[in-house]
Amino acid sequence: MDIATFEKEVLKIERLLYHVSWSMLSQQEDCADAVQEALTRAWQHRDTLRSNRAFRGWLVQILCNVCRDMLRKRKRQPQQPLEDALLATMANEPADYAMIRLLAAVSPEHRTTLVLHYLEGYGVNEIARLLDTPSGTVKSRLVMARRALREAVENSADLQGGFPYEKN
């Protein structure tokens, strides 16, 4: 694959790459670093790509591996949690901030599955292949993530003086 083709294909999926990295890492600076590292690795190993049609999935898998590496490093080095004020500066609009807070209630694995399924439109089997997990795991992650989001929304409504969802 030549550089022009590589650049063209990367530009097509740039948004996807940032969504996937954010869903796993939740920190803007780390997301940019992960995408950059994944692109570097992909360029260095472009000769292992068997078909240009598989480029998207191949690059997403590389990115997931980079994010997992970063998460492992993060566990070894204690980090301070982001303050609400810092999260507020990351969000451009109040709705974005609310979504960031809601998604923070979900684990990185569940968040990645949600982003790939609902924002990027991947099916369960495609997500399973991208994340190298069984499709049953993807399905259960979606169920558990939706449950966690529902609870986060209910708790958010209670905290903000809104009306909690009433179950009949």
N, C-alpha and C. Protein backbone atom coordinates (compact mmCIF):
# COMPACT_ATOMS: atom_id res chain seq x y z
N MET A 1 0.86 -1.17 0.00
CA MET A 1 0.00 0.00 0.00
C MET A 1 0.90 1.23 0.00
N ASP A 2 0.64 2.13 -0.93
CA ASP A 2 1.45 3.35 -1.00
C ASP A 2 0.91 4.41 -0.04
N ILE A 3 1.67 5.47 0.11
CA ILE A 3 1.31 6.50 1.10
C ILE A 3 0.01 7.21 0.76
N ALA A 4 -0.25 7.45 -0.51
CA ALA A 4 -1.48 8.15 -0.90
C ALA A 4 -2.71 7.32 -0.56
N THR A 5 -2.66 6.03 -0.84
CA THR A 5 -3.78 5.14 -0.52
C THR A 5 -3.96 5.04 0.98
N PHE A 6 -2.84 4.92 1.70
CA PHE A 6 -2.89 4.84 3.16
C PHE A 6 -3.57 6.08 3.74
N GLU A 7 -3.14 7.25 3.30
CA GLU A 7 -3.72 8.52 3.79
C GLU A 7 -5.20 8.60 3.47
N LYS A 8 -5.57 8.22 2.24
CA LYS A 8 -6.97 8.28 1.82
C LYS A 8 -7.83 7.38 2.70
N GLU A 9 -7.36 6.16 2.96
CA GLU A 9 -8.12 5.22 3.77
C GLU A 9 -8.21 5.69 5.23
N VAL A 10 -7.14 6.25 5.75
CA VAL A 10 -7.14 6.74 7.13
C VAL A 10 -8.13 7.89 7.28
N LEU A 11 -8.16 8.80 6.31
CA LEU A 11 -9.07 9.94 6.39
C LEU A 11 -10.53 9.49 6.39
N LYS A 12 -10.82 8.38 5.72
CA LYS A 12 -12.19 7.86 5.70
C LYS A 12 -12.65 7.39 7.08
N ILE A 13 -11.72 6.90 7.90
CA ILE A 13 -12.11 6.31 9.18
C ILE A 13 -11.54 7.07 10.38
N GLU A 14 -11.11 8.28 10.16
CA GLU A 14 -10.52 9.07 11.24
C GLU A 14 -11.47 9.21 12.43
N ARG A 15 -12.72 9.53 12.16
CA ARG A 15 -13.71 9.70 13.23
C ARG A 15 -13.90 8.40 14.02
N LEU A 16 -13.96 7.29 13.30
CA LEU A 16 -14.09 5.99 13.93
C LEU A 16 -12.92 5.72 14.87
N LEU A 17 -11.72 6.03 14.43
CA LEU A 17 -10.53 5.79 15.25
C LEU A 17 -10.58 6.57 16.56
N TYR A 18 -11.00 7.83 16.49
CA TYR A 18 -11.10 8.63 17.71
C TYR A 18 -12.23 8.15 18.61
N HIS A 19 -13.33 7.72 18.03
CA HIS A 19 -14.42 7.18 18.85
C HIS A 19 -13.98 5.93 19.59
N VAL A 20 -13.31 5.05 18.89
CA VAL A 20 -12.86 3.79 19.52
C VAL A 20 -11.85 4.09 20.62
N SER A 21 -10.88 4.95 20.32
CA SER A 21 -9.85 5.24 21.34
C SER A 21 -10.45 5.95 22.54
N TRP A 22 -11.39 6.88 22.31
CA TRP A 22 -12.01 7.58 23.44
C TRP A 22 -12.84 6.61 24.27
N SER A 23 -13.52 5.68 23.59
CA SER A 23 -14.36 4.75 24.35
C SER A 23 -13.53 3.83 25.24
N MET A 24 -12.29 3.61 24.88
CA MET A 24 -11.44 2.75 25.70
C MET A 24 -10.63 3.54 26.72
N LEU A 25 -10.21 4.75 26.37
CA LEU A 25 -9.27 5.48 27.22
C LEU A 25 -9.88 6.65 27.98
N SER A 26 -10.88 7.29 27.44
CA SER A 26 -11.62 8.39 28.08
C SER A 26 -10.82 9.65 28.36
N GLN A 27 -9.65 9.76 27.80
CA GLN A 27 -8.86 10.98 27.99
C GLN A 27 -8.38 11.45 26.64
N GLN A 28 -8.67 12.71 26.34
CA GLN A 28 -8.42 13.26 25.02
C GLN A 28 -6.96 13.11 24.58
N GLU A 29 -6.03 13.42 25.47
CA GLU A 29 -4.62 13.35 25.11
C GLU A 29 -4.20 11.91 24.82
N ASP A 30 -4.68 10.99 25.64
CA ASP A 30 -4.36 9.58 25.42
C ASP A 30 -4.96 9.08 24.11
N CYS A 31 -6.14 9.56 23.77
CA CYS A 31 -6.79 9.15 22.52
C CYS A 31 -5.95 9.55 21.32
N ALA A 32 -5.49 10.78 21.32
CA ALA A 32 -4.66 11.25 20.21
C ALA A 32 -3.36 10.44 20.14
N ASP A 33 -2.76 10.17 21.29
CA ASP A 33 -1.53 9.37 21.32
C ASP A 33 -1.78 7.96 20.79
N ALA A 34 -2.90 7.38 21.18
CA ALA A 34 -3.21 6.01 20.76
C ALA A 34 -3.43 5.94 19.25
N VAL A 35 -4.17 6.89 18.72
CA VAL A 35 -4.42 6.91 17.28
C VAL A 35 -3.10 7.09 16.53
N GLN A 36 -2.26 8.00 17.00
CA GLN A 36 -0.97 8.23 16.36
C GLN A 36 -0.10 6.97 16.39
N GLU A 37 -0.07 6.31 17.54
CA GLU A 37 0.73 5.08 17.67
C GLU A 37 0.18 3.99 16.76
N ALA A 38 -1.15 3.86 16.69
CA ALA A 38 -1.76 2.85 15.83
C ALA A 38 -1.44 3.11 14.36
N LEU A 39 -1.49 4.37 13.97
CA LEU A 39 -1.17 4.71 12.58
C LEU A 39 0.30 4.42 12.27
N THR A 40 1.16 4.69 13.23
CA THR A 40 2.59 4.40 13.03
C THR A 40 2.81 2.90 12.88
N ARG A 41 2.18 2.11 13.76
CA ARG A 41 2.32 0.65 13.68
C ARG A 41 1.74 0.12 12.37
N ALA A 42 0.60 0.66 11.99
CA ALA A 42 -0.04 0.21 10.74
C ALA A 42 0.86 0.51 9.55
N TRP A 43 1.44 1.69 9.51
CA TRP A 43 2.32 2.04 8.40
C TRP A 43 3.55 1.12 8.37
N GLN A 44 4.10 0.86 9.53
CA GLN A 44 5.29 0.00 9.59
C GLN A 44 4.99 -1.43 9.17
N HIS A 45 3.76 -1.89 9.41
CA HIS A 45 3.41 -3.27 9.11
C HIS A 45 2.39 -3.38 7.98
N ARG A 46 2.34 -2.39 7.12
CA ARG A 46 1.36 -2.37 6.04
C ARG A 46 1.52 -3.54 5.08
N ASP A 47 2.71 -4.13 5.02
CA ASP A 47 2.93 -5.26 4.13
C ASP A 47 2.23 -6.54 4.63
N THR A 48 1.79 -6.54 5.89
CA THR A 48 1.08 -7.71 6.42
C THR A 48 -0.42 -7.68 6.08
N LEU A 49 -0.90 -6.55 5.60
CA LEU A 49 -2.31 -6.42 5.21
C LEU A 49 -2.53 -7.19 3.92
N ARG A 50 -3.43 -8.16 3.97
CA ARG A 50 -3.64 -9.03 2.80
C ARG A 50 -4.51 -8.39 1.73
N SER A 51 -5.45 -7.54 2.16
CA SER A 51 -6.37 -6.93 1.20
C SER A 51 -6.69 -5.51 1.66
N ASN A 52 -6.73 -4.59 0.72
CA ASN A 52 -7.08 -3.20 1.07
C ASN A 52 -8.50 -3.10 1.59
N ARG A 53 -9.36 -4.05 1.23
CA ARG A 53 -10.74 -4.04 1.72
C ARG A 53 -10.80 -4.32 3.22
N ALA A 54 -9.78 -4.97 3.77
CA ALA A 54 -9.75 -5.30 5.19
C ALA A 54 -9.07 -4.21 6.02
N PHE A 55 -8.70 -3.10 5.39
CA PHE A 55 -7.93 -2.05 6.05
C PHE A 55 -8.61 -1.52 7.31
N ARG A 56 -9.89 -1.23 7.22
CA ARG A 56 -10.64 -0.64 8.34
C ARG A 56 -10.58 -1.53 9.58
N GLY A 57 -10.96 -2.78 9.44
CA GLY A 57 -10.95 -3.70 10.58
C GLY A 57 -9.54 -3.94 11.10
N TRP A 58 -8.59 -4.03 10.19
CA TRP A 58 -7.19 -4.25 10.55
C TRP A 58 -6.67 -3.11 11.40
N LEU A 59 -6.95 -1.88 10.97
CA LEU A 59 -6.48 -0.71 11.71
C LEU A 59 -7.20 -0.56 13.05
N VAL A 60 -8.48 -0.85 13.10
CA VAL A 60 -9.22 -0.78 14.37
C VAL A 60 -8.66 -1.80 15.35
N GLN A 61 -8.30 -2.98 14.86
CA GLN A 61 -7.71 -3.99 15.75
C GLN A 61 -6.36 -3.52 16.29
N ILE A 62 -5.56 -2.91 15.44
CA ILE A 62 -4.28 -2.36 15.89
C ILE A 62 -4.53 -1.31 16.96
N LEU A 63 -5.50 -0.43 16.71
CA LEU A 63 -5.82 0.63 17.67
C LEU A 63 -6.29 0.04 19.00
N CYS A 64 -7.12 -0.97 18.97
CA CYS A 64 -7.58 -1.62 20.21
C CYS A 64 -6.40 -2.20 20.98
N ASN A 65 -5.47 -2.80 20.28
CA ASN A 65 -4.28 -3.34 20.94
C ASN A 65 -3.44 -2.23 21.58
N VAL A 66 -3.29 -1.11 20.89
CA VAL A 66 -2.55 0.03 21.43
C VAL A 66 -3.25 0.54 22.69
N CYS A 67 -4.57 0.67 22.62
CA CYS A 67 -5.33 1.16 23.78
C CYS A 67 -5.20 0.20 24.97
N ARG A 68 -5.25 -1.10 24.70
CA ARG A 68 -5.08 -2.07 25.79
C ARG A 68 -3.70 -1.93 26.42
N ASP A 69 -2.68 -1.74 25.58
CA ASP A 69 -1.32 -1.52 26.10
C ASP A 69 -1.28 -0.29 27.01
N MET A 70 -1.93 0.78 26.57
CA MET A 70 -1.94 2.00 27.36
C MET A 70 -2.69 1.80 28.67
N LEU A 71 -3.78 1.04 28.64
CA LEU A 71 -4.54 0.77 29.86
C LEU A 71 -3.71 -0.05 30.85
N ARG A 72 -2.93 -1.00 30.33
CA ARG A 72 -2.06 -1.79 31.21
C ARG A 72 -1.01 -0.90 31.87
N LYS A 73 -0.44 0.01 31.11
CA LYS A 73 0.53 0.95 31.68
C LYS A 73 -0.13 1.83 32.72
N ARG A 74 -1.35 2.24 32.44
CA ARG A 74 -2.08 3.11 33.36
C ARG A 74 -2.31 2.43 34.70
N LYS A 75 -2.58 1.12 34.67
CA LYS A 75 -2.81 0.38 35.91
C LYS A 75 -1.54 0.33 36.76
N ARG A 76 -0.39 0.26 36.09
CA ARG A 76 0.88 0.21 36.83
C ARG A 76 1.26 1.56 37.40
N GLN A 77 0.83 2.64 36.76
CA GLN A 77 1.16 3.99 37.22
C GLN A 77 -0.11 4.65 37.75
N PRO A 78 -0.16 4.92 39.04
CA PRO A 78 -1.37 5.55 39.58
C PRO A 78 -1.62 6.91 38.94
N GLN A 79 -2.88 7.16 38.61
CA GLN A 79 -3.27 8.41 37.98
C GLN A 79 -4.30 9.11 38.84
N GLN A 80 -4.31 10.41 38.76
CA GLN A 80 -5.33 11.16 39.47
C GLN A 80 -6.56 11.24 38.58
N PRO A 81 -7.76 11.09 39.17
CA PRO A 81 -8.97 11.17 38.35
C PRO A 81 -9.18 12.60 37.82
N LEU A 82 -9.84 12.69 36.69
CA LEU A 82 -10.14 14.00 36.13
C LEU A 82 -11.18 14.70 37.00
N GLU A 83 -10.97 15.95 37.22
CA GLU A 83 -11.94 16.73 37.98
C GLU A 83 -13.08 17.16 37.07
N ASP A 84 -14.23 17.44 37.65
CA ASP A 84 -15.39 17.86 36.86
C ASP A 84 -15.09 19.12 36.05
N ALA A 85 -14.30 20.02 36.62
CA ALA A 85 -13.98 21.25 35.91
C ALA A 85 -13.20 20.95 34.64
N LEU A 86 -12.29 19.98 34.71
CA LEU A 86 -11.51 19.62 33.54
C LEU A 86 -12.40 18.95 32.50
N LEU A 87 -13.32 18.10 32.95
CA LEU A 87 -14.25 17.48 32.01
C LEU A 87 -15.11 18.54 31.33
N ALA A 88 -15.51 19.56 32.08
CA ALA A 88 -16.33 20.61 31.51
C ALA A 88 -15.59 21.36 30.41
N THR A 89 -14.30 21.55 30.58
CA THR A 89 -13.54 22.26 29.55
C THR A 89 -13.35 21.40 28.31
N MET A 90 -13.40 20.07 28.48
CA MET A 90 -13.26 19.18 27.33
C MET A 90 -14.52 19.20 26.47
N ALA A 91 -15.65 19.41 27.06
CA ALA A 91 -16.90 19.36 26.33
C ALA A 91 -17.20 20.72 25.70
N ASN A 92 -17.64 20.69 24.46
CA ASN A 92 -17.96 21.94 23.76
C ASN A 92 -19.35 22.45 24.12
N GLU A 93 -20.25 21.53 24.43
CA GLU A 93 -21.62 21.90 24.73
C GLU A 93 -22.07 21.16 25.99
N PRO A 94 -23.09 21.71 26.66
CA PRO A 94 -23.60 21.02 27.85
C PRO A 94 -24.06 19.59 27.56
N ALA A 95 -24.64 19.34 26.40
CA ALA A 95 -25.10 17.99 26.06
C ALA A 95 -23.91 17.04 25.97
N ASP A 96 -22.80 17.53 25.41
CA ASP A 96 -21.60 16.70 25.32
C ASP A 96 -21.10 16.35 26.71
N TYR A 97 -21.12 17.32 27.60
CA TYR A 97 -20.65 17.09 28.97
C TYR A 97 -21.52 16.05 29.66
N ALA A 98 -22.83 16.14 29.46
CA ALA A 98 -23.74 15.17 30.07
C ALA A 98 -23.45 13.77 29.53
N MET A 99 -23.20 13.67 28.23
CA MET A 99 -22.91 12.36 27.65
C MET A 99 -21.58 11.82 28.16
N ILE A 100 -20.59 12.67 28.32
CA ILE A 100 -19.30 12.25 28.86
C ILE A 100 -19.48 11.70 30.26
N ARG A 101 -20.27 12.41 31.07
CA ARG A 101 -20.50 11.95 32.45
C ARG A 101 -21.25 10.63 32.48
N LEU A 102 -22.21 10.46 31.60
CA LEU A 102 -22.96 9.21 31.56
C LEU A 102 -22.07 8.05 31.11
N LEU A 103 -21.29 8.28 30.08
CA LEU A 103 -20.42 7.20 29.58
C LEU A 103 -19.30 6.87 30.56
N ALA A 104 -18.98 7.81 31.44
CA ALA A 104 -17.96 7.54 32.45
C ALA A 104 -18.44 6.50 33.46
N ALA A 105 -19.75 6.29 33.52
CA ALA A 105 -20.31 5.30 34.45
C ALA A 105 -20.16 3.88 33.93
N VAL A 106 -19.68 3.75 32.70
CA VAL A 106 -19.56 2.44 32.06
C VAL A 106 -18.08 2.10 31.92
N SER A 107 -17.74 0.84 32.11
CA SER A 107 -16.34 0.41 31.99
C SER A 107 -15.83 0.61 30.56
N PRO A 108 -14.52 0.71 30.38
CA PRO A 108 -13.97 0.91 29.03
C PRO A 108 -14.40 -0.17 28.03
N GLU A 109 -14.46 -1.42 28.45
CA GLU A 109 -14.87 -2.49 27.55
C GLU A 109 -16.31 -2.30 27.08
N HIS A 110 -17.18 -1.94 28.02
CA HIS A 110 -18.58 -1.73 27.68
C HIS A 110 -18.75 -0.46 26.84
N ARG A 111 -18.00 0.57 27.18
CA ARG A 111 -18.06 1.83 26.44
C ARG A 111 -17.64 1.62 24.99
N THR A 112 -16.58 0.85 24.77
CA THR A 112 -16.11 0.58 23.41
C THR A 112 -17.18 -0.15 22.62
N THR A 113 -17.80 -1.13 23.24
CA THR A 113 -18.86 -1.88 22.57
C THR A 113 -20.02 -0.98 22.22
N LEU A 114 -20.42 -0.10 23.14
CA LEU A 114 -21.50 0.85 22.86
C LEU A 114 -21.16 1.76 21.69
N VAL A 115 -19.97 2.31 21.71
CA VAL A 115 -19.56 3.25 20.65
C VAL A 115 -19.54 2.54 19.29
N LEU A 116 -18.95 1.37 19.24
CA LEU A 116 -18.89 0.65 17.97
C LEU A 116 -20.29 0.28 17.46
N HIS A 117 -21.17 -0.10 18.37
CA HIS A 117 -22.50 -0.53 17.95
C HIS A 117 -23.42 0.64 17.60
N TYR A 118 -23.53 1.61 18.51
CA TYR A 118 -24.52 2.66 18.32
C TYR A 118 -24.00 3.87 17.55
N LEU A 119 -22.76 4.25 17.73
CA LEU A 119 -22.25 5.41 17.01
C LEU A 119 -21.68 5.05 15.64
N GLU A 120 -21.06 3.88 15.55
CA GLU A 120 -20.42 3.50 14.30
C GLU A 120 -21.22 2.49 13.49
N GLY A 121 -22.26 1.90 14.09
CA GLY A 121 -23.15 1.03 13.34
C GLY A 121 -22.66 -0.38 13.08
N TYR A 122 -21.68 -0.84 13.82
CA TYR A 122 -21.19 -2.21 13.64
C TYR A 122 -22.17 -3.19 14.24
N GLY A 123 -22.27 -4.36 13.64
CA GLY A 123 -23.09 -5.44 14.17
C GLY A 123 -22.32 -6.21 15.25
N VAL A 124 -23.01 -7.07 15.94
CA VAL A 124 -22.41 -7.83 17.04
C VAL A 124 -21.24 -8.68 16.54
N ASN A 125 -21.42 -9.37 15.44
CA ASN A 125 -20.34 -10.23 14.93
C ASN A 125 -19.13 -9.43 14.48
N GLU A 126 -19.37 -8.26 13.88
CA GLU A 126 -18.25 -7.40 13.46
C GLU A 126 -17.48 -6.90 14.68
N ILE A 127 -18.20 -6.51 15.72
CA ILE A 127 -17.54 -6.03 16.95
C ILE A 127 -16.74 -7.16 17.58
N ALA A 128 -17.31 -8.34 17.59
CA ALA A 128 -16.61 -9.50 18.15
C ALA A 128 -15.30 -9.74 17.41
N ARG A 129 -15.33 -9.62 16.11
CA ARG A 129 -14.13 -9.82 15.31
C ARG A 129 -13.11 -8.71 15.57
N LEU A 130 -13.59 -7.46 15.64
CA LEU A 130 -12.68 -6.32 15.87
C LEU A 130 -12.01 -6.39 17.23
N LEU A 131 -12.79 -6.76 18.25
CA LEU A 131 -12.26 -6.78 19.61
C LEU A 131 -11.69 -8.13 20.01
N ASP A 132 -11.78 -9.09 19.11
CA ASP A 132 -11.26 -10.43 19.36
C ASP A 132 -11.89 -11.04 20.62
N THR A 133 -13.22 -10.96 20.67
CA THR A 133 -13.98 -11.54 21.78
C THR A 133 -15.15 -12.32 21.19
N PRO A 134 -15.71 -13.26 21.93
CA PRO A 134 -16.88 -14.01 21.44
C PRO A 134 -18.10 -13.09 21.27
N SER A 135 -18.96 -13.43 20.32
CA SER A 135 -20.14 -12.59 20.08
C SER A 135 -21.07 -12.58 21.30
N GLY A 136 -21.11 -13.66 22.05
CA GLY A 136 -21.91 -13.68 23.28
C GLY A 136 -21.43 -12.65 24.28
N THR A 137 -20.12 -12.45 24.35
CA THR A 137 -19.56 -11.44 25.24
C THR A 137 -19.98 -10.05 24.78
N VAL A 138 -19.97 -9.83 23.47
CA VAL A 138 -20.39 -8.52 22.94
C VAL A 138 -21.85 -8.27 23.29
N LYS A 139 -22.69 -9.28 23.11
CA LYS A 139 -24.11 -9.12 23.44
C LYS A 139 -24.31 -8.80 24.92
N SER A 140 -23.62 -9.53 25.78
CA SER A 140 -23.79 -9.28 27.22
C SER A 140 -23.24 -7.91 27.60
N ARG A 141 -22.16 -7.48 26.96
CA ARG A 141 -21.63 -6.14 27.24
C ARG A 141 -22.63 -5.06 26.85
N LEU A 142 -23.31 -5.27 25.73
CA LEU A 142 -24.32 -4.29 25.31
C LEU A 142 -25.47 -4.24 26.31
N VAL A 143 -25.92 -5.38 26.77
CA VAL A 143 -27.01 -5.43 27.75
C VAL A 143 -26.58 -4.75 29.05
N MET A 144 -25.40 -5.12 29.53
CA MET A 144 -24.91 -4.54 30.80
C MET A 144 -24.64 -3.05 30.67
N ALA A 145 -24.13 -2.61 29.53
CA ALA A 145 -23.85 -1.19 29.33
C ALA A 145 -25.14 -0.39 29.28
N ARG A 146 -26.15 -0.91 28.59
CA ARG A 146 -27.44 -0.21 28.55
C ARG A 146 -28.04 -0.11 29.95
N ARG A 147 -27.91 -1.17 30.73
CA ARG A 147 -28.42 -1.16 32.10
C ARG A 147 -27.68 -0.11 32.94
N ALA A 148 -26.35 -0.07 32.80
CA ALA A 148 -25.56 0.91 33.55
C ALA A 148 -25.90 2.34 33.13
N LEU A 149 -26.11 2.55 31.83
CA LEU A 149 -26.50 3.89 31.36
C LEU A 149 -27.88 4.28 31.89
N ARG A 150 -28.79 3.33 31.88
CA ARG A 150 -30.14 3.61 32.40
C ARG A 150 -30.07 4.03 33.87
N GLU A 151 -29.27 3.30 34.65
CA GLU A 151 -29.11 3.64 36.07
C GLU A 151 -28.44 5.00 36.24
N ALA A 152 -27.46 5.28 35.40
CA ALA A 152 -26.76 6.58 35.48
C ALA A 152 -27.72 7.71 35.15
N VAL A 153 -28.60 7.51 34.16
CA VAL A 153 -29.58 8.54 33.80
C VAL A 153 -30.56 8.74 34.95
N GLU A 154 -31.01 7.65 35.55
CA GLU A 154 -31.94 7.76 36.68
C GLU A 154 -31.30 8.47 37.86
N ASN A 155 -30.05 8.13 38.16
CA ASN A 155 -29.35 8.80 39.26
C ASN A 155 -29.09 10.26 38.95
N SER A 156 -28.81 10.56 37.70
CA SER A 156 -28.57 11.94 37.29
C SER A 156 -29.84 12.77 37.45
N ALA A 157 -30.98 12.20 37.09
CA ALA A 157 -32.25 12.91 37.24
C ALA A 157 -32.55 13.17 38.71
N ASP A 158 -32.25 12.20 39.56
CA ASP A 158 -32.47 12.38 41.00
C ASP A 158 -31.58 13.48 41.55
N LEU A 159 -30.32 13.51 41.13
CA LEU A 159 -29.37 14.51 41.64
C LEU A 159 -29.70 15.91 41.17
N GLN A 160 -30.22 16.03 39.95
CA GLN A 160 -30.49 17.34 39.39
C GLN A 160 -31.90 17.82 39.67
N GLY A 161 -32.64 17.07 40.46
CA GLY A 161 -34.00 17.49 40.81
C GLY A 161 -35.01 17.16 39.74
N GLY A 162 -34.63 16.33 38.79
CA GLY A 162 -35.56 15.93 37.73
C GLY A 162 -36.48 14.84 38.21
N PHE A 163 -37.31 14.38 37.33
CA PHE A 163 -38.23 13.32 37.69
C PHE A 163 -37.61 11.98 37.32
N PRO A 164 -37.41 11.10 38.30
CA PRO A 164 -36.85 9.79 37.98
C PRO A 164 -37.86 8.96 37.18
N TYR A 165 -37.33 8.09 36.39
CA TYR A 165 -38.16 7.19 35.60
C TYR A 165 -38.88 6.23 36.54
N GLU A 166 -40.20 6.15 36.40
CA GLU A 166 -40.96 5.26 37.27
C GLU A 166 -41.24 3.97 36.56
N LYS A 167 -40.91 2.87 37.23
CA LYS A 167 -41.14 1.54 36.64
C LYS A 167 -42.50 1.06 37.10
N ASN A 168 -43.31 0.59 36.17
CA ASN A 168 -44.65 0.09 36.51
C ASN A 168 -44.63 -1.41 36.61
